[in-house]
N, C-alpha and C. Protein backbone atom coordinates (compact mmCIF):
# COMPACT_ATOMS: atom_id res chain seq x y z
N MET A 1 -4.04 2.11 -26.78
CA MET A 1 -4.72 2.22 -25.51
C MET A 1 -5.56 3.48 -25.45
N GLU A 2 -5.09 4.60 -26.00
CA GLU A 2 -5.88 5.82 -25.97
C GLU A 2 -7.19 5.66 -26.71
N ASP A 3 -7.20 4.88 -27.81
CA ASP A 3 -8.45 4.64 -28.52
C ASP A 3 -9.42 3.90 -27.61
N LEU A 4 -8.94 2.90 -26.86
CA LEU A 4 -9.78 2.17 -25.92
C LEU A 4 -10.37 3.12 -24.89
N LEU A 5 -9.53 3.98 -24.33
CA LEU A 5 -10.01 4.93 -23.33
C LEU A 5 -11.03 5.87 -23.92
N ALA A 6 -10.75 6.40 -25.07
CA ALA A 6 -11.67 7.36 -25.69
C ALA A 6 -13.00 6.69 -26.01
N ARG A 7 -12.99 5.49 -26.57
CA ARG A 7 -14.23 4.81 -26.91
C ARG A 7 -15.07 4.49 -25.69
N SER A 8 -14.44 4.07 -24.62
CA SER A 8 -15.21 3.64 -23.46
C SER A 8 -15.72 4.81 -22.64
N GLN A 9 -15.11 5.98 -22.79
CA GLN A 9 -15.50 7.09 -21.92
C GLN A 9 -16.14 8.25 -22.66
N VAL A 10 -16.12 8.28 -23.96
CA VAL A 10 -16.69 9.41 -24.68
C VAL A 10 -18.17 9.48 -24.38
N PRO A 11 -18.63 10.60 -23.84
CA PRO A 11 -20.03 10.73 -23.47
C PRO A 11 -20.92 10.77 -24.70
N GLN A 12 -22.17 10.36 -24.51
CA GLN A 12 -23.15 10.42 -25.58
C GLN A 12 -23.70 11.84 -25.67
N THR A 13 -24.42 12.13 -26.73
CA THR A 13 -24.94 13.47 -26.99
C THR A 13 -25.72 14.08 -25.83
N PRO A 14 -26.61 13.32 -25.11
CA PRO A 14 -27.33 13.96 -24.02
C PRO A 14 -26.42 14.59 -22.98
N LEU A 15 -25.30 13.95 -22.67
CA LEU A 15 -24.34 14.53 -21.73
C LEU A 15 -23.78 15.82 -22.29
N LEU A 16 -23.39 15.81 -23.53
CA LEU A 16 -22.80 17.00 -24.12
C LEU A 16 -23.80 18.14 -24.13
N SER A 17 -25.05 17.86 -24.45
CA SER A 17 -26.07 18.91 -24.46
C SER A 17 -26.26 19.46 -23.06
N HIS A 18 -26.31 18.57 -22.07
CA HIS A 18 -26.51 19.00 -20.69
C HIS A 18 -25.37 19.89 -20.21
N VAL A 19 -24.16 19.43 -20.39
CA VAL A 19 -23.02 20.18 -19.88
C VAL A 19 -22.83 21.48 -20.66
N THR A 20 -22.92 21.41 -21.97
CA THR A 20 -22.72 22.60 -22.77
C THR A 20 -23.78 23.65 -22.48
N ALA A 21 -25.03 23.21 -22.37
CA ALA A 21 -26.10 24.16 -22.10
C ALA A 21 -25.94 24.78 -20.72
N GLY A 22 -25.44 24.00 -19.78
CA GLY A 22 -25.32 24.50 -18.41
C GLY A 22 -24.13 25.40 -18.21
N THR A 23 -23.11 25.30 -19.03
CA THR A 23 -21.90 26.08 -18.75
C THR A 23 -21.36 26.81 -19.97
N GLY A 24 -21.97 26.63 -21.10
CA GLY A 24 -21.42 27.20 -22.34
C GLY A 24 -21.25 28.70 -22.32
N ALA A 25 -22.28 29.46 -22.65
CA ALA A 25 -22.16 30.90 -22.79
C ALA A 25 -21.89 31.58 -21.47
N ALA A 26 -22.56 31.13 -20.41
CA ALA A 26 -22.40 31.80 -19.12
C ALA A 26 -21.02 31.59 -18.54
N GLY A 27 -20.55 30.34 -18.56
CA GLY A 27 -19.27 30.04 -17.94
C GLY A 27 -18.11 30.07 -18.91
N GLY A 28 -18.39 30.11 -20.18
CA GLY A 28 -17.34 30.18 -21.17
C GLY A 28 -16.62 28.88 -21.41
N ARG A 29 -17.16 27.77 -20.92
CA ARG A 29 -16.49 26.50 -21.11
C ARG A 29 -17.25 25.67 -22.13
N ALA A 30 -16.62 24.65 -22.62
CA ALA A 30 -17.27 23.74 -23.55
C ALA A 30 -16.78 22.33 -23.28
N VAL A 31 -17.57 21.39 -23.68
CA VAL A 31 -17.17 19.99 -23.62
C VAL A 31 -16.80 19.58 -25.03
N ARG A 32 -15.65 18.96 -25.18
CA ARG A 32 -15.20 18.52 -26.50
C ARG A 32 -15.84 17.19 -26.82
N ASP A 33 -16.51 17.12 -27.92
CA ASP A 33 -17.09 15.88 -28.43
C ASP A 33 -16.31 15.54 -29.68
N GLU A 34 -15.49 14.50 -29.60
CA GLU A 34 -14.62 14.16 -30.71
C GLU A 34 -15.42 13.83 -31.97
N ALA A 35 -16.63 13.28 -31.83
CA ALA A 35 -17.42 12.91 -33.00
C ALA A 35 -18.08 14.12 -33.65
N GLN A 36 -18.41 15.14 -32.86
CA GLN A 36 -19.16 16.28 -33.38
C GLN A 36 -18.34 17.56 -33.43
N GLY A 37 -17.06 17.50 -33.10
CA GLY A 37 -16.25 18.72 -33.03
C GLY A 37 -16.32 19.29 -31.64
N SER A 38 -15.76 20.47 -31.44
CA SER A 38 -15.82 21.08 -30.12
C SER A 38 -16.29 22.51 -30.24
N GLN A 39 -16.90 22.97 -29.17
CA GLN A 39 -17.29 24.37 -29.12
C GLN A 39 -16.08 25.17 -28.66
N GLU A 40 -15.94 26.35 -29.19
CA GLU A 40 -14.84 27.19 -28.77
C GLU A 40 -15.21 27.89 -27.46
N PRO A 41 -14.51 27.61 -26.38
CA PRO A 41 -14.82 28.27 -25.11
C PRO A 41 -14.32 29.71 -25.11
N MET A 42 -15.02 30.55 -24.37
CA MET A 42 -14.65 31.95 -24.31
C MET A 42 -13.38 32.17 -23.48
N ASN A 43 -13.16 31.34 -22.46
CA ASN A 43 -12.00 31.54 -21.60
C ASN A 43 -10.92 30.49 -21.78
N GLY A 44 -11.05 29.65 -22.78
CA GLY A 44 -9.99 28.69 -23.08
C GLY A 44 -10.04 27.40 -22.30
N ILE A 45 -11.06 27.13 -21.47
CA ILE A 45 -11.16 25.88 -20.73
C ILE A 45 -12.07 24.93 -21.50
N VAL A 46 -11.57 23.73 -21.74
CA VAL A 46 -12.35 22.68 -22.40
C VAL A 46 -12.36 21.47 -21.49
N ILE A 47 -13.55 20.91 -21.26
CA ILE A 47 -13.68 19.68 -20.49
C ILE A 47 -13.74 18.53 -21.50
N ARG A 48 -12.87 17.53 -21.32
CA ARG A 48 -12.83 16.40 -22.24
C ARG A 48 -12.48 15.15 -21.46
N ASN A 49 -12.58 14.01 -22.14
CA ASN A 49 -12.21 12.75 -21.52
C ASN A 49 -10.70 12.67 -21.30
N GLY A 50 -10.29 12.09 -20.18
CA GLY A 50 -8.88 11.90 -19.90
C GLY A 50 -8.30 10.78 -20.74
N LEU A 51 -7.05 10.95 -21.13
CA LEU A 51 -6.35 9.98 -21.98
C LEU A 51 -5.03 9.58 -21.33
N ALA A 52 -4.46 8.49 -21.79
CA ALA A 52 -3.17 8.04 -21.28
C ALA A 52 -2.10 9.12 -21.48
N SER A 53 -2.21 9.90 -22.54
CA SER A 53 -1.24 10.96 -22.78
C SER A 53 -1.32 12.09 -21.75
N ASP A 54 -2.35 12.07 -20.90
CA ASP A 54 -2.50 13.06 -19.84
C ASP A 54 -1.87 12.59 -18.53
N ALA A 55 -1.18 11.46 -18.55
CA ALA A 55 -0.70 10.82 -17.32
C ALA A 55 0.16 11.74 -16.45
N VAL A 56 1.04 12.50 -17.05
CA VAL A 56 1.91 13.38 -16.25
C VAL A 56 1.06 14.40 -15.49
N ALA A 57 0.13 15.01 -16.18
CA ALA A 57 -0.72 16.02 -15.54
C ALA A 57 -1.64 15.38 -14.50
N ILE A 58 -2.18 14.21 -14.81
CA ILE A 58 -3.06 13.53 -13.85
C ILE A 58 -2.28 13.17 -12.59
N ALA A 59 -1.07 12.67 -12.72
CA ALA A 59 -0.25 12.34 -11.55
C ALA A 59 0.02 13.60 -10.72
N ARG A 60 0.32 14.71 -11.39
CA ARG A 60 0.56 15.97 -10.68
C ARG A 60 -0.69 16.42 -9.93
N LEU A 61 -1.85 16.36 -10.60
CA LEU A 61 -3.10 16.79 -9.97
C LEU A 61 -3.47 15.89 -8.80
N LEU A 62 -3.27 14.59 -8.94
CA LEU A 62 -3.54 13.68 -7.82
C LEU A 62 -2.63 14.00 -6.64
N GLY A 63 -1.37 14.36 -6.91
CA GLY A 63 -0.46 14.79 -5.86
C GLY A 63 -0.97 16.06 -5.18
N ASP A 64 -1.49 17.02 -5.98
CA ASP A 64 -2.06 18.24 -5.42
C ASP A 64 -3.24 17.92 -4.49
N LEU A 65 -3.98 16.87 -4.82
CA LEU A 65 -5.15 16.47 -4.04
C LEU A 65 -4.74 15.70 -2.77
N GLY A 66 -3.47 15.30 -2.70
CA GLY A 66 -3.00 14.57 -1.54
C GLY A 66 -2.85 13.08 -1.76
N TYR A 67 -2.88 12.67 -3.04
CA TYR A 67 -2.74 11.26 -3.40
C TYR A 67 -1.58 11.08 -4.36
N PRO A 68 -0.34 11.17 -3.86
CA PRO A 68 0.81 11.02 -4.75
C PRO A 68 0.73 9.70 -5.50
N SER A 69 1.00 9.76 -6.79
CA SER A 69 0.89 8.57 -7.63
C SER A 69 2.11 8.45 -8.53
N GLU A 70 2.58 7.24 -8.69
CA GLU A 70 3.68 6.98 -9.61
C GLU A 70 3.19 7.21 -11.03
N LEU A 71 3.96 7.93 -11.81
CA LEU A 71 3.58 8.21 -13.19
C LEU A 71 3.28 6.94 -13.97
N ALA A 72 4.08 5.89 -13.78
CA ALA A 72 3.91 4.65 -14.53
C ALA A 72 2.58 3.97 -14.23
N SER A 73 1.98 4.24 -13.07
CA SER A 73 0.73 3.57 -12.71
C SER A 73 -0.50 4.25 -13.32
N ILE A 74 -0.39 5.50 -13.75
CA ILE A 74 -1.56 6.23 -14.24
C ILE A 74 -2.13 5.61 -15.52
N PRO A 75 -1.33 5.34 -16.56
CA PRO A 75 -1.93 4.71 -17.75
C PRO A 75 -2.59 3.36 -17.44
N LYS A 76 -2.00 2.59 -16.53
CA LYS A 76 -2.60 1.31 -16.15
C LYS A 76 -3.94 1.52 -15.46
N ARG A 77 -4.00 2.51 -14.59
CA ARG A 77 -5.26 2.81 -13.90
C ARG A 77 -6.31 3.28 -14.90
N LEU A 78 -5.91 4.15 -15.82
CA LEU A 78 -6.85 4.64 -16.83
C LEU A 78 -7.39 3.48 -17.67
N GLU A 79 -6.52 2.57 -18.06
CA GLU A 79 -6.94 1.43 -18.86
C GLU A 79 -7.92 0.56 -18.07
N SER A 80 -7.62 0.32 -16.81
CA SER A 80 -8.49 -0.49 -15.96
C SER A 80 -9.86 0.19 -15.79
N LEU A 81 -9.86 1.49 -15.56
CA LEU A 81 -11.12 2.22 -15.40
C LEU A 81 -11.93 2.21 -16.69
N ALA A 82 -11.25 2.34 -17.82
CA ALA A 82 -11.94 2.33 -19.10
C ALA A 82 -12.57 0.97 -19.36
N ALA A 83 -11.86 -0.11 -19.03
CA ALA A 83 -12.38 -1.45 -19.24
C ALA A 83 -13.56 -1.74 -18.33
N ASP A 84 -13.61 -1.09 -17.18
CA ASP A 84 -14.68 -1.27 -16.21
C ASP A 84 -16.04 -0.86 -16.79
N GLY A 85 -16.08 0.20 -17.57
CA GLY A 85 -17.31 0.64 -18.19
C GLY A 85 -18.25 1.40 -17.27
N ARG A 86 -17.92 1.51 -16.00
CA ARG A 86 -18.78 2.22 -15.04
C ARG A 86 -18.08 3.44 -14.46
N THR A 87 -17.01 3.84 -15.11
CA THR A 87 -16.21 4.94 -14.61
C THR A 87 -15.96 5.94 -15.72
N VAL A 88 -15.92 7.22 -15.36
CA VAL A 88 -15.59 8.27 -16.31
C VAL A 88 -14.44 9.10 -15.73
N VAL A 89 -13.55 9.53 -16.61
CA VAL A 89 -12.44 10.40 -16.24
C VAL A 89 -12.51 11.62 -17.14
N PHE A 90 -12.72 12.79 -16.55
CA PHE A 90 -12.73 14.04 -17.29
C PHE A 90 -11.53 14.87 -16.88
N VAL A 91 -10.97 15.61 -17.83
CA VAL A 91 -9.93 16.59 -17.53
C VAL A 91 -10.39 17.94 -18.06
N ALA A 92 -9.88 18.98 -17.43
CA ALA A 92 -10.07 20.35 -17.91
C ALA A 92 -8.77 20.75 -18.58
N GLU A 93 -8.87 21.25 -19.78
CA GLU A 93 -7.68 21.63 -20.56
C GLU A 93 -7.75 23.12 -20.87
N GLN A 94 -6.62 23.78 -20.71
CA GLN A 94 -6.49 25.20 -21.05
C GLN A 94 -5.20 25.38 -21.83
N SER A 95 -5.33 25.90 -23.04
CA SER A 95 -4.16 26.14 -23.90
C SER A 95 -3.28 24.90 -24.03
N GLY A 96 -3.90 23.74 -24.13
CA GLY A 96 -3.15 22.50 -24.29
C GLY A 96 -2.65 21.88 -23.01
N ASP A 97 -2.82 22.56 -21.87
CA ASP A 97 -2.38 22.02 -20.58
C ASP A 97 -3.57 21.49 -19.80
N VAL A 98 -3.42 20.32 -19.20
CA VAL A 98 -4.46 19.77 -18.34
C VAL A 98 -4.36 20.47 -16.98
N VAL A 99 -5.46 21.13 -16.58
CA VAL A 99 -5.47 21.93 -15.36
C VAL A 99 -6.52 21.46 -14.36
N GLY A 100 -7.20 20.36 -14.64
CA GLY A 100 -8.20 19.86 -13.71
C GLY A 100 -8.55 18.42 -14.02
N LEU A 101 -9.09 17.73 -13.03
CA LEU A 101 -9.42 16.32 -13.14
C LEU A 101 -10.67 16.04 -12.31
N ALA A 102 -11.58 15.22 -12.84
CA ALA A 102 -12.71 14.71 -12.08
C ALA A 102 -12.99 13.28 -12.54
N THR A 103 -13.34 12.43 -11.59
CA THR A 103 -13.70 11.06 -11.92
C THR A 103 -15.02 10.72 -11.23
N GLY A 104 -15.79 9.88 -11.89
CA GLY A 104 -17.04 9.39 -11.32
C GLY A 104 -17.15 7.91 -11.55
N GLN A 105 -17.76 7.20 -10.59
CA GLN A 105 -17.93 5.76 -10.70
C GLN A 105 -19.37 5.41 -10.38
N ALA A 106 -20.04 4.78 -11.34
CA ALA A 106 -21.41 4.32 -11.14
C ALA A 106 -21.41 3.02 -10.34
N PHE A 107 -22.46 2.85 -9.53
CA PHE A 107 -22.56 1.64 -8.72
C PHE A 107 -24.04 1.28 -8.52
N SER A 108 -24.27 0.02 -8.27
CA SER A 108 -25.60 -0.46 -7.92
C SER A 108 -25.59 -0.83 -6.44
N ALA A 109 -26.77 -0.73 -5.82
CA ALA A 109 -26.87 -1.08 -4.40
C ALA A 109 -28.18 -1.82 -4.16
N ILE A 110 -28.21 -2.63 -3.14
CA ILE A 110 -29.39 -3.42 -2.85
C ILE A 110 -30.52 -2.58 -2.25
N HIS A 111 -30.19 -1.47 -1.61
CA HIS A 111 -31.20 -0.72 -0.87
C HIS A 111 -31.95 0.32 -1.70
N VAL A 112 -31.59 0.50 -2.98
CA VAL A 112 -32.30 1.45 -3.84
C VAL A 112 -32.33 0.92 -5.27
N ASP A 113 -33.32 1.38 -6.02
CA ASP A 113 -33.39 1.05 -7.44
C ASP A 113 -32.46 1.96 -8.22
N GLY A 114 -31.99 1.50 -9.33
CA GLY A 114 -31.15 2.32 -10.20
C GLY A 114 -29.74 2.46 -9.68
N GLU A 115 -28.91 3.03 -10.54
CA GLU A 115 -27.50 3.26 -10.18
C GLU A 115 -27.33 4.60 -9.48
N GLY A 116 -26.30 4.67 -8.68
CA GLY A 116 -25.83 5.92 -8.12
C GLY A 116 -24.42 6.16 -8.64
N VAL A 117 -23.87 7.31 -8.34
CA VAL A 117 -22.51 7.66 -8.76
C VAL A 117 -21.76 8.22 -7.58
N TRP A 118 -20.54 7.76 -7.43
CA TRP A 118 -19.59 8.38 -6.51
C TRP A 118 -18.72 9.33 -7.30
N LEU A 119 -18.64 10.55 -6.88
CA LEU A 119 -17.69 11.52 -7.41
C LEU A 119 -16.40 11.23 -6.66
N THR A 120 -15.44 10.57 -7.32
CA THR A 120 -14.30 10.01 -6.60
C THR A 120 -13.07 10.91 -6.57
N SER A 121 -12.99 11.89 -7.45
CA SER A 121 -11.91 12.87 -7.35
C SER A 121 -12.31 14.11 -8.13
N VAL A 122 -11.99 15.23 -7.54
CA VAL A 122 -12.14 16.53 -8.22
C VAL A 122 -10.98 17.38 -7.75
N VAL A 123 -10.21 17.88 -8.70
CA VAL A 123 -9.08 18.74 -8.35
C VAL A 123 -8.79 19.69 -9.50
N ALA A 124 -8.49 20.93 -9.15
CA ALA A 124 -8.06 21.93 -10.13
C ALA A 124 -6.66 22.38 -9.77
N ASP A 125 -5.86 22.63 -10.78
CA ASP A 125 -4.52 23.17 -10.59
C ASP A 125 -4.63 24.46 -9.77
N PRO A 126 -3.74 24.67 -8.81
CA PRO A 126 -3.80 25.89 -7.99
C PRO A 126 -3.86 27.19 -8.82
N ARG A 127 -3.27 27.17 -10.02
CA ARG A 127 -3.26 28.37 -10.86
C ARG A 127 -4.64 28.75 -11.40
N VAL A 128 -5.58 27.80 -11.42
CA VAL A 128 -6.90 28.07 -12.00
C VAL A 128 -8.04 27.89 -11.00
N ARG A 129 -7.72 27.74 -9.74
CA ARG A 129 -8.78 27.57 -8.75
C ARG A 129 -9.61 28.84 -8.62
N ARG A 130 -10.85 28.63 -8.27
CA ARG A 130 -11.84 29.71 -8.09
C ARG A 130 -12.18 30.40 -9.41
N ARG A 131 -12.03 29.66 -10.51
CA ARG A 131 -12.39 30.18 -11.83
C ARG A 131 -13.45 29.31 -12.51
N GLY A 132 -14.08 28.42 -11.75
CA GLY A 132 -15.16 27.61 -12.29
C GLY A 132 -14.74 26.28 -12.87
N VAL A 133 -13.45 25.96 -12.83
CA VAL A 133 -12.98 24.70 -13.41
C VAL A 133 -13.56 23.51 -12.64
N GLY A 134 -13.49 23.52 -11.33
CA GLY A 134 -14.05 22.44 -10.53
C GLY A 134 -15.55 22.31 -10.74
N ARG A 135 -16.24 23.43 -10.76
CA ARG A 135 -17.69 23.42 -10.99
C ARG A 135 -18.02 22.75 -12.32
N ASP A 136 -17.27 23.08 -13.36
CA ASP A 136 -17.54 22.51 -14.68
C ASP A 136 -17.17 21.03 -14.74
N LEU A 137 -16.12 20.63 -14.05
CA LEU A 137 -15.78 19.21 -13.99
C LEU A 137 -16.89 18.42 -13.27
N VAL A 138 -17.39 18.95 -12.16
CA VAL A 138 -18.49 18.28 -11.45
C VAL A 138 -19.72 18.21 -12.35
N ALA A 139 -20.02 19.30 -13.06
CA ALA A 139 -21.16 19.31 -13.98
C ALA A 139 -21.00 18.24 -15.06
N ALA A 140 -19.79 18.03 -15.53
CA ALA A 140 -19.55 17.00 -16.55
C ALA A 140 -19.85 15.61 -16.00
N VAL A 141 -19.40 15.34 -14.77
CA VAL A 141 -19.68 14.04 -14.16
C VAL A 141 -21.18 13.89 -13.90
N GLU A 142 -21.82 14.95 -13.42
CA GLU A 142 -23.27 14.90 -13.20
C GLU A 142 -24.00 14.64 -14.52
N GLY A 143 -23.58 15.27 -15.60
CA GLY A 143 -24.19 15.05 -16.90
C GLY A 143 -24.01 13.62 -17.37
N TRP A 144 -22.82 13.07 -17.16
CA TRP A 144 -22.55 11.67 -17.49
C TRP A 144 -23.49 10.77 -16.69
N ALA A 145 -23.65 11.08 -15.40
CA ALA A 145 -24.53 10.28 -14.54
C ALA A 145 -25.98 10.34 -15.02
N LEU A 146 -26.44 11.53 -15.37
CA LEU A 146 -27.81 11.67 -15.88
C LEU A 146 -28.00 10.89 -17.17
N ALA A 147 -27.01 10.94 -18.04
CA ALA A 147 -27.10 10.21 -19.31
C ALA A 147 -27.16 8.70 -19.08
N ARG A 148 -26.57 8.21 -17.99
CA ARG A 148 -26.63 6.78 -17.64
C ARG A 148 -27.95 6.44 -16.97
N GLY A 149 -28.74 7.44 -16.60
CA GLY A 149 -29.99 7.19 -15.88
C GLY A 149 -29.81 7.09 -14.38
N CYS A 150 -28.68 7.56 -13.87
CA CYS A 150 -28.43 7.50 -12.43
C CYS A 150 -29.35 8.47 -11.69
N SER A 151 -29.73 8.08 -10.47
CA SER A 151 -30.69 8.87 -9.71
C SER A 151 -30.06 9.71 -8.60
N ARG A 152 -28.79 9.49 -8.31
CA ARG A 152 -28.15 10.25 -7.22
C ARG A 152 -26.64 10.25 -7.42
N ILE A 153 -26.01 11.21 -6.77
CA ILE A 153 -24.55 11.32 -6.80
C ILE A 153 -24.08 11.68 -5.41
N SER A 154 -22.98 11.11 -5.00
CA SER A 154 -22.42 11.34 -3.66
C SER A 154 -20.95 11.65 -3.78
N VAL A 155 -20.43 12.32 -2.77
CA VAL A 155 -19.00 12.63 -2.71
C VAL A 155 -18.56 12.53 -1.25
N VAL A 156 -17.34 12.10 -1.05
CA VAL A 156 -16.73 12.08 0.27
C VAL A 156 -15.56 13.05 0.21
N THR A 157 -15.45 13.88 1.22
CA THR A 157 -14.33 14.81 1.29
C THR A 157 -13.79 14.82 2.72
N GLY A 158 -12.49 14.96 2.85
CA GLY A 158 -11.84 14.90 4.15
C GLY A 158 -12.33 15.97 5.11
N LEU A 159 -12.32 15.64 6.39
CA LEU A 159 -12.76 16.58 7.42
C LEU A 159 -11.95 17.87 7.39
N HIS A 160 -10.69 17.80 6.99
CA HIS A 160 -9.81 18.95 7.00
C HIS A 160 -9.98 19.86 5.77
N ARG A 161 -10.85 19.50 4.85
CA ARG A 161 -11.02 20.24 3.59
C ARG A 161 -12.23 21.19 3.65
N ALA A 162 -12.15 22.21 4.49
CA ALA A 162 -13.27 23.14 4.65
C ALA A 162 -13.64 23.82 3.33
N ASP A 163 -12.66 24.17 2.52
CA ASP A 163 -12.95 24.79 1.22
C ASP A 163 -13.76 23.84 0.33
N ALA A 164 -13.43 22.56 0.35
CA ALA A 164 -14.17 21.59 -0.44
C ALA A 164 -15.60 21.44 0.07
N HIS A 165 -15.78 21.48 1.38
CA HIS A 165 -17.13 21.36 1.94
C HIS A 165 -18.01 22.50 1.43
N SER A 166 -17.51 23.71 1.50
CA SER A 166 -18.32 24.85 1.03
C SER A 166 -18.50 24.80 -0.49
N PHE A 167 -17.51 24.32 -1.22
CA PHE A 167 -17.62 24.18 -2.67
C PHE A 167 -18.79 23.26 -3.01
N TYR A 168 -18.83 22.09 -2.40
CA TYR A 168 -19.90 21.13 -2.71
C TYR A 168 -21.26 21.66 -2.26
N GLU A 169 -21.31 22.33 -1.13
CA GLU A 169 -22.57 22.91 -0.68
C GLU A 169 -23.08 23.97 -1.66
N ARG A 170 -22.18 24.77 -2.22
CA ARG A 170 -22.59 25.76 -3.23
C ARG A 170 -23.16 25.08 -4.47
N LEU A 171 -22.73 23.86 -4.74
CA LEU A 171 -23.22 23.11 -5.90
C LEU A 171 -24.48 22.30 -5.59
N GLY A 172 -25.01 22.43 -4.38
CA GLY A 172 -26.26 21.76 -4.03
C GLY A 172 -26.11 20.45 -3.30
N TYR A 173 -24.90 20.06 -2.94
CA TYR A 173 -24.68 18.83 -2.19
C TYR A 173 -24.96 19.11 -0.71
N ALA A 174 -25.55 18.13 -0.03
CA ALA A 174 -25.89 18.30 1.39
C ALA A 174 -25.16 17.25 2.22
N LEU A 175 -24.78 17.63 3.41
CA LEU A 175 -24.18 16.70 4.36
C LEU A 175 -25.21 15.63 4.68
N ALA A 176 -24.85 14.37 4.48
CA ALA A 176 -25.84 13.30 4.60
C ALA A 176 -25.42 12.18 5.54
N GLY A 177 -24.30 12.28 6.19
CA GLY A 177 -23.90 11.20 7.09
C GLY A 177 -22.42 11.25 7.39
N ARG A 178 -21.93 10.18 7.91
CA ARG A 178 -20.52 10.04 8.22
C ARG A 178 -19.90 9.04 7.27
N HIS A 179 -18.61 9.14 7.11
CA HIS A 179 -17.86 8.24 6.23
C HIS A 179 -16.77 7.60 7.08
N TYR A 180 -16.71 6.29 7.08
CA TYR A 180 -15.68 5.55 7.80
C TYR A 180 -14.84 4.79 6.79
N LYS A 181 -13.59 4.60 7.12
CA LYS A 181 -12.75 3.80 6.22
C LYS A 181 -11.86 2.89 7.04
N LYS A 182 -11.41 1.84 6.40
CA LYS A 182 -10.53 0.86 7.02
C LYS A 182 -9.64 0.30 5.93
N SER A 183 -8.37 0.30 6.15
CA SER A 183 -7.43 -0.28 5.18
C SER A 183 -7.45 -1.80 5.32
N LEU A 184 -7.56 -2.47 4.18
CA LEU A 184 -7.52 -3.93 4.17
C LEU A 184 -6.15 -4.45 3.75
N ALA A 185 -5.27 -3.54 3.41
CA ALA A 185 -3.92 -3.93 3.02
C ALA A 185 -3.06 -4.12 4.26
N PRO A 186 -2.20 -5.12 4.24
CA PRO A 186 -1.31 -5.32 5.39
C PRO A 186 -0.39 -4.11 5.55
N GLU A 187 -0.09 -3.77 6.79
CA GLU A 187 0.80 -2.65 7.04
C GLU A 187 2.22 -3.00 6.63
N ALA A 188 2.91 -2.01 6.07
CA ALA A 188 4.28 -2.25 5.59
C ALA A 188 5.27 -2.21 6.72
């Protein structure tokens, strides 16, 4: 299953060039390209594709984000996302530990040409927050989106997440509307 995940999500060279050039020497991070080797980051953070073997860390990070997840469901979700072909899962790794997660999902819409991307999760371990991990994860998803030819990227963040609002604004995201949701699942 990890081979399936790696094959379906490994970014192409343009993404690696974009992300590495944008964060390499200045930010000390690198994106690992399994086909071409990896750059040695100055501060030990490497952005790479998420794998089934990262399930424990991904479940923990999702819990930190406010979305508790059963460990057993993470590999299934990763496999489903990999098979979809329109989703990317990146993790930030430091000294062999996964310390961050970002996911992006490409979509088509009737009201615009080309694909857009939803940035569907971004979270850094509390121990590494405010050290550029989130910024580099977002840059990786943006690079993936550019490599796909996507023309825009959007993110939804909870009203109670003031730190996230300022984080995205510092990265150039602008408030563009309201977000409504409705559960379609029957209440338990």
